[in-house]
N, C-alpha and C. Protein backbone atom coordinates (compact mmCIF):
# COMPACT_ATOMS: atom_id res chain seq x y z
N MET A 1 0.84 -5.67 10.74
CA MET A 1 -0.44 -4.87 11.13
C MET A 1 -0.04 -3.45 9.85
N HIS A 2 -1.31 -2.74 9.15
CA HIS A 2 -1.03 -1.83 8.48
C HIS A 2 -1.45 -0.87 9.15
N ASN A 3 -0.35 -0.10 8.95
CA ASN A 3 -0.37 1.19 9.18
C ASN A 3 -1.19 2.73 8.37
N ILE A 4 -2.29 1.75 7.10
CA ILE A 4 -2.76 2.91 6.17
C ILE A 4 -4.36 2.24 6.18
N LYS A 5 -5.29 3.04 6.60
CA LYS A 5 -6.38 2.66 6.60
C LYS A 5 -7.68 3.54 5.89
N PRO A 6 -8.25 3.46 5.41
CA PRO A 6 -8.98 4.70 3.82
C PRO A 6 -9.99 5.07 5.07
N VAL A 7 -10.91 6.07 4.74
CA VAL A 7 -12.00 6.72 4.99
C VAL A 7 -13.04 6.64 4.38
N ILE A 8 -14.44 5.96 5.43
CA ILE A 8 -15.55 5.81 4.29
C ILE A 8 -16.27 6.61 4.28
N LEU A 9 -17.26 7.19 3.80
CA LEU A 9 -18.13 8.45 3.91
C LEU A 9 -19.27 7.71 4.08
N LYS A 10 -20.19 7.85 5.68
CA LYS A 10 -21.56 6.80 5.61
C LYS A 10 -22.05 7.91 4.85
N SER A 11 -24.35 6.95 4.93
CA SER A 11 -24.89 7.93 3.97
C SER A 11 -25.32 9.37 4.46
N ASP A 12 -24.85 8.88 6.24
CA ASP A 12 -25.74 10.46 6.50
C ASP A 12 -24.55 11.65 6.60
N GLY A 13 -23.62 11.24 6.16
CA GLY A 13 -22.45 12.40 5.80
C GLY A 13 -21.32 12.31 6.84
N LYS A 14 -21.11 11.42 7.90
CA LYS A 14 -20.31 10.99 9.07
C LYS A 14 -19.21 10.39 7.89
N LYS A 15 -18.22 10.55 8.10
CA LYS A 15 -16.48 9.63 8.09
C LYS A 15 -16.67 8.48 9.33
N ARG A 16 -16.40 7.26 8.20
CA ARG A 16 -15.66 6.06 9.32
C ARG A 16 -14.49 5.09 8.58
N SER A 17 -14.33 4.57 9.21
CA SER A 17 -12.38 3.86 9.34
C SER A 17 -13.15 2.99 8.41
N GLY A 18 -12.10 2.64 6.76
CA GLY A 18 -12.68 1.19 6.38
C GLY A 18 -12.23 0.19 6.57
N ARG A 19 -12.65 -0.98 6.11
CA ARG A 19 -11.50 -2.09 6.16
C ARG A 19 -10.03 -2.18 4.92
N GLY A 20 -10.68 -2.03 3.72
CA GLY A 20 -9.42 -1.48 2.96
C GLY A 20 -9.77 -0.87 1.84
N PHE A 21 -9.17 -0.29 1.01
CA PHE A 21 -9.18 0.54 -0.45
C PHE A 21 -9.67 -0.25 -1.56
N SER A 22 -10.66 0.21 -2.26
CA SER A 22 -11.16 -0.52 -2.80
C SER A 22 -10.78 -0.86 -4.39
N THR A 23 -10.51 -1.64 -5.25
CA THR A 23 -9.53 -2.07 -6.60
C THR A 23 -9.84 -0.95 -7.46
N GLY A 24 -10.46 0.42 -7.60
CA GLY A 24 -11.08 1.34 -8.02
C GLY A 24 -9.93 2.62 -7.72
N GLU A 25 -10.23 2.78 -6.48
CA GLU A 25 -9.37 3.58 -5.45
C GLU A 25 -7.60 3.01 -6.06
N LEU A 26 -7.29 1.77 -5.75
CA LEU A 26 -5.74 1.49 -6.31
C LEU A 26 -5.25 1.80 -7.90
N GLN A 27 -6.24 1.40 -8.33
CA GLN A 27 -5.60 1.66 -9.84
C GLN A 27 -5.65 3.08 -10.06
N LYS A 28 -6.51 3.65 -9.46
CA LYS A 28 -6.33 5.32 -9.67
C LYS A 28 -5.11 6.01 -9.22
N ALA A 29 -4.74 5.05 -8.03
CA ALA A 29 -3.22 5.52 -7.51
C ALA A 29 -2.23 5.00 -7.98
N GLY A 30 -2.24 3.89 -8.93
CA GLY A 30 -0.98 3.82 -9.91
C GLY A 30 -0.57 2.03 -9.54
N LEU A 31 -1.94 1.18 -8.47
CA LEU A 31 -1.28 0.46 -8.17
C LEU A 31 -2.21 -0.95 -8.76
N ASN A 32 -1.79 -2.09 -8.67
CA ASN A 32 -2.48 -3.06 -8.70
C ASN A 32 -2.34 -4.18 -7.61
N LEU A 33 -3.41 -5.41 -7.31
CA LEU A 33 -3.58 -5.55 -6.17
C LEU A 33 -2.01 -6.52 -5.70
N ALA A 34 -1.39 -7.00 -7.11
CA ALA A 34 -0.27 -7.34 -6.24
C ALA A 34 0.93 -6.82 -5.81
N GLU A 35 0.85 -5.68 -6.06
CA GLU A 35 1.92 -4.43 -5.42
C GLU A 35 0.68 -3.88 -4.22
N ALA A 36 -0.03 -4.24 -4.18
CA ALA A 36 -0.63 -3.91 -2.98
C ALA A 36 -0.52 -4.43 -1.83
N LYS A 37 -0.49 -6.05 -2.04
CA LYS A 37 -0.20 -6.84 -1.17
C LYS A 37 1.10 -7.11 -0.90
N ARG A 38 2.16 -6.41 -1.70
CA ARG A 38 4.03 -6.29 -1.43
C ARG A 38 4.05 -5.12 -0.53
N LEU A 39 3.40 -4.11 -1.13
CA LEU A 39 3.38 -3.29 0.09
C LEU A 39 2.28 -2.84 1.42
N GLU A 40 1.61 -4.12 1.85
CA GLU A 40 0.87 -4.45 2.78
C GLU A 40 0.02 -3.60 2.83
N ILE A 41 -0.58 -2.86 1.38
CA ILE A 41 -2.25 -2.28 1.49
C ILE A 41 -3.09 -3.14 1.78
N PRO A 42 -4.23 -2.60 2.53
CA PRO A 42 -5.29 -3.50 2.94
C PRO A 42 -6.26 -3.13 2.08
N VAL A 43 -7.21 -4.33 1.39
CA VAL A 43 -8.02 -4.15 -0.56
C VAL A 43 -9.16 -5.13 0.30
N ASP A 44 -10.09 -4.22 0.60
CA ASP A 44 -11.42 -4.27 -0.03
C ASP A 44 -12.12 -4.92 -1.54
N LYS A 45 -12.35 -5.94 -1.63
CA LYS A 45 -12.75 -6.29 -2.76
C LYS A 45 -14.33 -5.91 -3.01
N ARG A 46 -15.18 -5.98 -1.99
CA ARG A 46 -16.69 -5.75 -1.97
C ARG A 46 -17.04 -4.09 -2.33
N ARG A 47 -16.08 -3.58 -2.18
CA ARG A 47 -16.36 -1.73 -1.90
C ARG A 47 -15.91 -1.43 -3.65
N ASN A 48 -16.69 -0.58 -4.12
CA ASN A 48 -17.23 -0.39 -5.31
C ASN A 48 -16.53 1.42 -5.81
N THR A 49 -17.10 2.10 -4.23
CA THR A 49 -16.65 3.52 -4.25
C THR A 49 -15.50 4.25 -4.64
N VAL A 50 -14.86 4.62 -5.22
CA VAL A 50 -13.51 5.70 -5.40
C VAL A 50 -13.70 7.18 -4.75
N TYR A 51 -12.78 7.20 -3.45
CA TYR A 51 -12.73 8.72 -2.74
C TYR A 51 -11.17 9.03 -3.18
N ASP A 52 -11.17 11.05 -3.48
CA ASP A 52 -10.18 10.95 -3.84
C ASP A 52 -9.17 11.05 -2.44
N GLN A 53 -9.76 11.15 -1.47
CA GLN A 53 -9.29 11.56 -0.49
C GLN A 53 -8.29 9.81 0.32
N ASN A 54 -9.03 8.97 -0.47
CA ASN A 54 -8.04 7.85 -0.30
C ASN A 54 -7.10 7.16 -1.48
N ILE A 55 -7.34 8.19 -2.71
CA ILE A 55 -6.28 7.80 -3.95
C ILE A 55 -5.10 8.56 -3.08
N GLN A 56 -5.31 9.76 -2.81
CA GLN A 56 -4.30 10.68 -2.13
C GLN A 56 -3.90 10.40 -1.50
N ALA A 57 -3.88 9.29 -0.18
CA ALA A 57 -3.31 8.84 1.18
C ALA A 57 -2.89 7.00 0.64
N ALA A 58 -3.30 6.81 -0.88
CA ALA A 58 -2.68 5.72 -1.18
C ALA A 58 -0.98 6.06 -1.52
N THR A 59 -1.39 6.90 -2.76
CA THR A 59 -0.16 7.26 -3.43
C THR A 59 1.48 8.01 -2.34
N ALA A 60 0.48 8.61 -1.37
CA ALA A 60 1.40 8.89 -0.50
C ALA A 60 2.15 8.25 0.22
N TYR A 61 1.41 7.09 0.80
CA TYR A 61 1.70 6.19 1.40
C TYR A 61 2.80 5.09 0.60
N VAL A 62 2.47 5.10 -0.31
CA VAL A 62 3.62 4.56 -1.81
C VAL A 62 4.99 5.31 -1.91
N GLU A 63 4.26 6.42 -1.62
CA GLU A 63 5.91 7.12 -1.81
C GLU A 63 7.16 7.21 -0.75
N LYS A 64 6.27 7.28 0.38
CA LYS A 64 6.53 6.84 1.56
C LYS A 64 7.55 5.35 1.70
N LYS A 65 6.89 4.55 1.15
CA LYS A 65 7.47 3.36 1.55
C LYS A 65 8.84 3.20 0.35
N GLU A 66 8.58 3.57 -0.87
CA GLU A 66 9.58 3.80 -1.38
C GLU A 66 10.89 4.63 -1.18
N THR A 67 10.86 5.42 -0.46
CA THR A 67 11.63 6.59 0.02
C THR A 67 12.41 5.82 1.73
N GLU A 68 12.12 5.00 1.98
CA GLU A 68 12.52 4.38 2.92
C GLU A 68 13.29 3.43 2.65
N ASP A 69 14.62 3.68 3.18
CA ASP A 69 15.85 2.64 3.52
C ASP A 69 15.39 1.55 2.82
N LYS A 70 16.24 0.37 2.62
CA LYS A 70 15.76 -0.61 1.91
C LYS A 70 16.87 -1.67 2.59
N PRO A 71 16.76 -2.97 3.39
CA PRO A 71 17.61 -3.97 4.03
C PRO A 71 18.74 -3.85 3.55
N LYS A 72 20.15 -3.43 4.24
CA LYS A 72 21.00 -3.88 3.12
C LYS A 72 21.48 -5.63 3.32
N LYS A 73 22.20 -5.52 2.29
CA LYS A 73 22.16 -7.16 2.10
C LYS A 73 23.82 -7.01 2.49
N LYS A 74 24.27 -8.53 3.06
CA LYS A 74 25.23 -9.13 3.64
C LYS A 74 25.82 -8.88 3.11
N PRO A 75 27.42 -8.32 3.45
CA PRO A 75 28.03 -8.73 2.23
C PRO A 75 28.95 -10.11 2.43
N GLN A 76 29.13 -10.70 1.47
CA GLN A 76 29.19 -12.45 0.85
C GLN A 76 30.48 -12.64 1.36
N LEU A 77 31.52 -13.34 1.99
CA LEU A 77 32.60 -13.79 2.05
C LEU A 77 33.22 -14.70 0.40
N LYS A 78 34.62 -14.01 0.34
CA LYS A 78 35.20 -14.56 -1.11
C LYS A 78 35.19 -15.87 -0.77
N LYS A 79 35.32 -16.83 -1.42
CA LYS A 79 36.31 -18.04 -1.11
C LYS A 79 37.33 -17.76 -1.94
N LYS A 80 37.94 -19.34 -1.14
CA LYS A 80 39.43 -19.10 -1.69
C LYS A 80 39.40 -20.11 -2.34
N ALA A 81 40.27 -19.94 -3.48
CA ALA A 81 40.32 -21.13 -4.54
C ALA A 81 41.23 -21.90 -3.94
N LYS A 82 41.28 -23.35 -4.61
CA LYS A 82 41.80 -24.57 -3.99
C LYS A 82 43.09 -24.28 -4.98
N LYS A 83 44.28 -25.14 -4.73
CA LYS A 83 45.39 -24.96 -6.14
C LYS A 83 45.44 -26.64 -5.99
């Protein structure tokens, strides 16, 4: 499940929730499609518009995800050497 959704401005000035971020918004946020997929950020390849508020939301989400604790690796057991 995605935790982040972009905001789209309709022609009458109202806001609505979008399906995903445009590729232009991701580029200005410093991401490419592979990184967005890894971070589970939804991408709408059909959109061409770029909104500043979506760029700020994407960068804030990336910073939040990077600061979260990464899962700890399980300690590996040392194998005993045969004599």
